[in-house]
Structure formats: structure tokens, C-alpha cells
Protein backbone atom coordinates (compact mmCIF):
# COMPACT_ATOMS: atom_id res chain seq x y z
CA MET A 1 1.91 -12.01 6.28
CA TYR A 2 4.45 -9.53 5.20
CA ALA A 3 5.32 -6.73 2.52
CA ARG A 4 8.06 -4.84 1.42
CA SER A 5 7.06 -1.67 0.44
CA THR A 6 9.63 0.03 -2.50
CA THR A 7 9.34 3.99 -3.01
CA ILE A 8 10.68 5.85 -5.84
CA LEU A 9 10.38 9.74 -6.61
CA ALA A 10 10.52 9.84 -10.34
CA HIS A 11 10.58 11.55 -13.60
CA PRO A 12 7.08 11.80 -14.16
CA GLU A 13 7.59 11.43 -17.96
CA ASN A 14 9.40 8.05 -17.18
CA LEU A 15 6.32 6.79 -15.26
CA ASP A 16 5.06 4.70 -18.08
CA ARG A 17 8.06 3.06 -19.04
CA GLY A 18 8.48 2.20 -15.49
CA ILE A 19 5.01 0.74 -15.12
CA ALA A 20 5.48 -1.24 -17.94
CA LEU A 21 8.59 -2.65 -16.79
CA ALA A 22 6.96 -3.52 -13.48
CA ARG A 23 4.52 -4.99 -15.25
CA ASP A 24 5.96 -7.27 -18.06
CA GLU A 25 9.22 -8.18 -16.17
CA VAL A 26 9.19 -7.55 -12.37
CA LEU A 27 5.37 -9.21 -11.59
CA PRO A 28 6.17 -12.66 -13.49
CA ALA A 29 9.50 -12.84 -11.54
CA VAL A 30 8.00 -11.60 -8.01
CA LEU A 31 4.63 -14.18 -8.62
CA ASP A 32 7.51 -17.20 -9.27
CA ALA A 33 9.20 -16.56 -5.89
CA PRO A 34 8.97 -19.21 -3.17
CA GLY A 35 5.89 -17.54 -0.91
CA SER A 36 5.11 -15.04 -3.10
CA ILE A 37 1.60 -13.61 -2.90
CA GLY A 38 1.21 -10.88 -5.17
CA MET A 39 2.25 -7.37 -6.00
CA SER A 40 0.89 -3.62 -6.32
CA MET A 41 1.99 -0.22 -7.66
CA ILE A 42 0.47 3.07 -6.81
CA VAL A 43 1.79 6.21 -8.77
CA ASP A 44 1.10 9.86 -8.47
CA ARG A 45 1.59 11.24 -11.94
CA GLU A 46 2.29 14.75 -10.76
CA SER A 47 4.92 14.04 -8.45
CA GLY A 48 6.42 11.11 -9.92
CA ARG A 49 6.09 9.27 -6.78
CA CYS A 50 5.43 5.33 -7.01
CA ILE A 51 5.50 2.79 -4.30
CA ALA A 52 5.39 -1.02 -5.17
CA THR A 53 4.49 -3.38 -3.04
CA THR A 54 5.20 -7.40 -2.54
CA ALA A 55 3.54 -9.56 -0.07
CA TRP A 56 4.77 -12.83 1.09
CA GLU A 57 3.63 -15.63 3.38
CA SER A 58 6.26 -15.27 6.06
CA MET A 59 9.33 -13.38 7.26
CA ASP A 60 11.74 -15.66 5.88
CA ALA A 61 9.73 -15.95 2.31
CA MET A 62 10.69 -11.86 2.21
CA ARG A 63 13.90 -12.06 3.44
CA ASP A 64 14.84 -14.99 0.91
CA SER A 65 13.50 -13.13 -2.15
CA GLU A 66 15.81 -10.02 -1.48
CA PRO A 67 18.68 -11.35 -3.61
CA MET A 68 15.98 -11.63 -6.72
CA VAL A 69 14.29 -8.80 -5.82
CA ARG A 70 17.37 -6.44 -5.36
CA PRO A 71 18.44 -6.73 -9.30
CA LEU A 72 14.84 -5.78 -10.55
CA ARG A 73 14.15 -3.29 -8.27
CA ASP A 74 17.47 -1.43 -9.46
CA ARG A 75 16.19 -1.76 -13.42
CA VAL A 76 12.99 -0.18 -12.41
CA ALA A 77 14.75 2.79 -10.20
CA ASP A 78 17.18 3.02 -13.05
CA VAL A 79 14.26 3.61 -15.57
CA LEU A 80 12.03 5.82 -13.45
CA GLY A 81 15.10 8.16 -12.84
CA GLY A 82 14.79 7.96 -8.93
CA THR A 83 16.44 5.85 -6.10
CA ALA A 84 14.74 3.63 -4.01
CA GLN A 85 13.37 3.80 -0.60
CA VAL A 86 12.78 0.03 0.94
CA ASP A 87 10.72 -0.63 3.83
CA GLU A 88 9.23 -3.78 5.79
CA TRP A 89 6.06 -4.15 7.17
CA GLU A 90 3.59 -6.93 8.66
CA ILE A 91 -0.09 -7.11 6.84
CA GLY A 92 -2.11 -6.59 9.99
CA VAL A 93 -5.75 -6.15 7.71
CA LEU A 94 -6.54 -6.93 4.01
CA HIS A 95 -10.40 -6.61 2.88
CA ARG A 96 -10.88 -6.90 -0.31
CA ALA A 97 -14.92 -6.37 -1.21
CA HIS A 98 -14.19 -6.82 -5.14
CA ASN A 99 -11.19 -6.56 -7.52
CA SER A 100 -9.96 -3.44 -8.77
CA ALA A 101 -10.66 -2.58 -12.29
CA PRO A 102 -8.71 0.30 -14.82
CA GLY A 103 -9.22 3.57 -13.19
CA ALA A 104 -9.10 2.44 -9.48
CA CYS A 105 -7.48 5.15 -7.12
CA VAL A 106 -5.95 4.74 -3.39
CA ARG A 107 -5.74 6.98 -0.83
CA ALA A 108 -2.42 6.11 1.72
CA THR A 109 -2.50 7.37 5.43
CA TRP A 110 0.62 7.18 7.14
CA LEU A 111 0.15 7.25 11.06
CA ARG A 112 2.77 7.30 13.68
CA PHE A 113 1.67 5.91 17.42
CA ASP A 114 3.29 4.86 20.71
CA PRO A 115 4.77 1.37 19.77
CA ALA A 116 2.70 0.02 22.53
CA ALA A 117 -0.58 1.03 20.86
CA MET A 118 0.04 -0.85 18.00
CA ASP A 119 -2.41 -3.78 19.30
CA ARG A 120 -4.90 -0.97 20.24
CA ALA A 121 -4.51 0.66 16.52
CA LEU A 122 -5.21 -2.42 14.77
CA ASP A 123 -8.53 -3.10 16.86
CA VAL A 124 -9.82 0.40 16.16
CA TYR A 125 -8.94 -0.06 12.50
CA ARG A 126 -10.58 -3.54 12.43
CA GLN A 127 -13.71 -2.62 14.27
CA SER A 128 -14.57 0.70 13.78
CA MET A 129 -12.40 2.17 10.75
CA LEU A 130 -13.07 -0.74 8.15
CA PRO A 131 -17.11 -1.17 8.50
CA ALA A 132 -17.40 2.61 7.67
CA MET A 133 -14.97 2.32 5.01
CA GLU A 134 -16.92 -0.24 3.57
CA ARG A 135 -20.22 1.64 3.26
CA MET A 136 -18.36 4.60 1.47
CA ASP A 137 -19.56 4.50 -2.33
CA GLY A 138 -16.98 2.92 -4.80
CA PHE A 139 -14.73 1.20 -1.66
CA CYS A 140 -12.93 -1.21 -3.22
CA SER A 141 -10.40 -2.66 -0.55
CA ALA A 142 -8.21 -1.55 2.43
CA SER A 143 -5.17 -2.99 3.84
CA LEU A 144 -3.07 -1.83 7.28
CA LEU A 145 0.54 -2.57 6.88
CA MET A 146 2.43 -2.09 10.36
CA ASP A 147 5.96 -1.24 11.59
CA ARG A 148 5.77 -2.10 14.82
CA PRO A 149 9.07 -0.97 16.22
CA GLU A 150 8.67 2.07 14.73
CA GLY A 151 4.90 2.57 15.79
CA ILE A 152 4.14 3.46 12.07
CA THR A 153 1.29 2.04 10.37
CA VAL A 154 -0.29 2.76 6.31
CA SER A 155 -3.26 2.42 5.68
CA SER A 156 -4.33 2.09 1.99
CA VAL A 157 -7.84 2.70 1.05
CA THR A 158 -8.91 1.63 -2.82
CA PHE A 159 -11.46 3.59 -4.47
CA ASP A 160 -13.20 2.21 -8.03
CA SER A 161 -12.14 5.59 -9.37
CA ALA A 162 -11.38 9.31 -9.22
CA ASP A 163 -14.66 10.71 -8.36
CA ALA A 164 -14.99 8.11 -5.62
CA LEU A 165 -12.10 8.66 -4.12
CA ALA A 166 -12.73 12.21 -3.78
CA ALA A 167 -16.18 12.01 -2.57
CA SER A 168 -14.72 10.39 0.08
CA ARG A 169 -12.46 13.01 1.30
CA ASP A 170 -14.95 14.54 3.92
CA GLU A 171 -15.72 11.44 5.62
CA ALA A 172 -12.19 9.88 5.52
CA GLU A 173 -11.11 12.96 7.05
CA ARG A 174 -13.61 12.96 10.17
CA MET A 175 -12.41 8.87 10.26
CA ARG A 176 -8.93 9.98 10.68
CA THR A 177 -9.62 12.97 12.98
CA ASN A 178 -11.48 10.65 15.43
CA ALA A 179 -8.89 7.90 15.56
CA THR A 180 -6.22 10.12 15.94
CA ALA A 181 -7.51 11.38 19.12
CA GLU A 182 -8.48 8.18 20.46
CA LEU A 183 -5.12 6.40 19.87
CA GLY A 184 -2.94 9.89 20.45
CA ALA A 185 -1.60 9.25 17.08
CA GLU A 186 0.08 11.84 14.67
CA VAL A 187 -0.62 11.70 11.24
CA LEU A 188 2.65 11.35 9.17
CA GLU A 189 1.11 11.78 5.62
CA VAL A 190 -2.28 11.92 3.86
CA ALA A 191 -1.57 11.34 -0.35
CA GLU A 192 -3.39 10.11 -3.43
CA PHE A 193 -2.77 7.47 -6.15
CA GLU A 194 -3.59 5.78 -9.18
CA LEU A 195 -3.68 2.17 -8.64
CA ALA A 196 -1.16 1.32 -11.70
CA LEU A 197 -0.85 -2.30 -10.97
CA ALA A 198 -2.62 -4.76 -8.97
CA HIS A 199 -1.99 -8.80 -8.84
CA LEU A 200 -2.88 -10.14 -5.49
CA ARG A 201 -3.17 -13.39 -4.13
CA VAL A 202 -3.25 -12.32 -0.46
CA PRO A 203 -6.04 -14.14 1.59
CA GLU A 204 -8.72 -11.81 3.78
CA LEU A 205 -7.37 -10.87 6.80
CA VAL A 206 -9.17 -8.96 9.14
């Protein structure tokens, strides 16, 4: 399975309009597209950064959707008042303990590896990090997206509330430190977001 993420640095005052457009127009169109298995959107209201991610059954389905998605993406970017950065990923892991509810929040972590270490990184995430995440209070779901040629991954971990996200920070930092030491990875960024939209039909992938 594959995913396309669109990152837009919006004017914060435009976020609610952009979220509404994504929910009411973009999401139904994406869900109707052949091979679509869902869409999510996370936002940082302070900075205006938002990331919309669509998930697809195959690389062909994702690529075939581009002519349909492009004008919708441009409309959302125009409403938000920013420009879109588009990235494509392989979905390495998706695990959901339960569906998210209003108030859910996400911690996203970008790491860079030697591309040759990508399969090892995937094993560490599945076998060590994911079980530890599941033991955290308020854990909802986790995913790992991979750009194999660039050696970049992004882990997104969803919690039921902002309080649960905050309570997990120390443990998340410890896990991140251990994993980067074991894998020789570089932490590119850690950021926290509100989960503004989540409608995924992606099957369990661990």
C-alpha cells in the first residue's frame, strides 16, 4: 500500500475553511477514486502547518489518481493561502488499537537512515517500538511511511487527547533515542498536531 502526503503552510486564520473544504469536497472525491483506501489531515493551529495524506491500494492507483487529485489539492492550497509540497510513500506499518475520536492528537517524527538499513528500521518499529507504544495511556494508532530511495521515514502516533499526547513525551523521547542509536539514524523533526480528519479503510499492516 502507498500514500501521498500534501504539506501546506497555511495562514492560521484560514485553517477551518481549509479543513471544511477537505472534509466536504476532497474526502468524498478521494474515497470514490479507484484503489483509494482513505484520507487523513493533521494541523498545527499555531504555525498553520497542515498535512493531508491519501492512502492507496497500489502505486498504480496512487499515480492514476493524480489528474483527479491535483485540482482539488490546488483549491485547498488556495483556500489555505499556501503552496503544496507533495511526497509519496510506501506504507510500512499501520496499526490501530481503536478508531480516533474528536480531540485526538498526533506526534509525527521524521528520521533519516542509510537506505540499506530501511528493512532493519522497519523490524525495529514493528517488534520493539510498536508494542511499547501500545502500552502508553491513550494510544490510538500508529503508522510508518517510508521513502526507501531517500532513506526517510515518518512515524505518526495518534493519541486520544492532547493530555495523553503530552503525558507520552518523555517515553517517546526515550524510545526515539534508543532507536536512533541502534539504527544510526538522524532525527529530522518531531512535531505535534491536531487530528482534523481521519477516514481510513486501510487494513491492519504490521
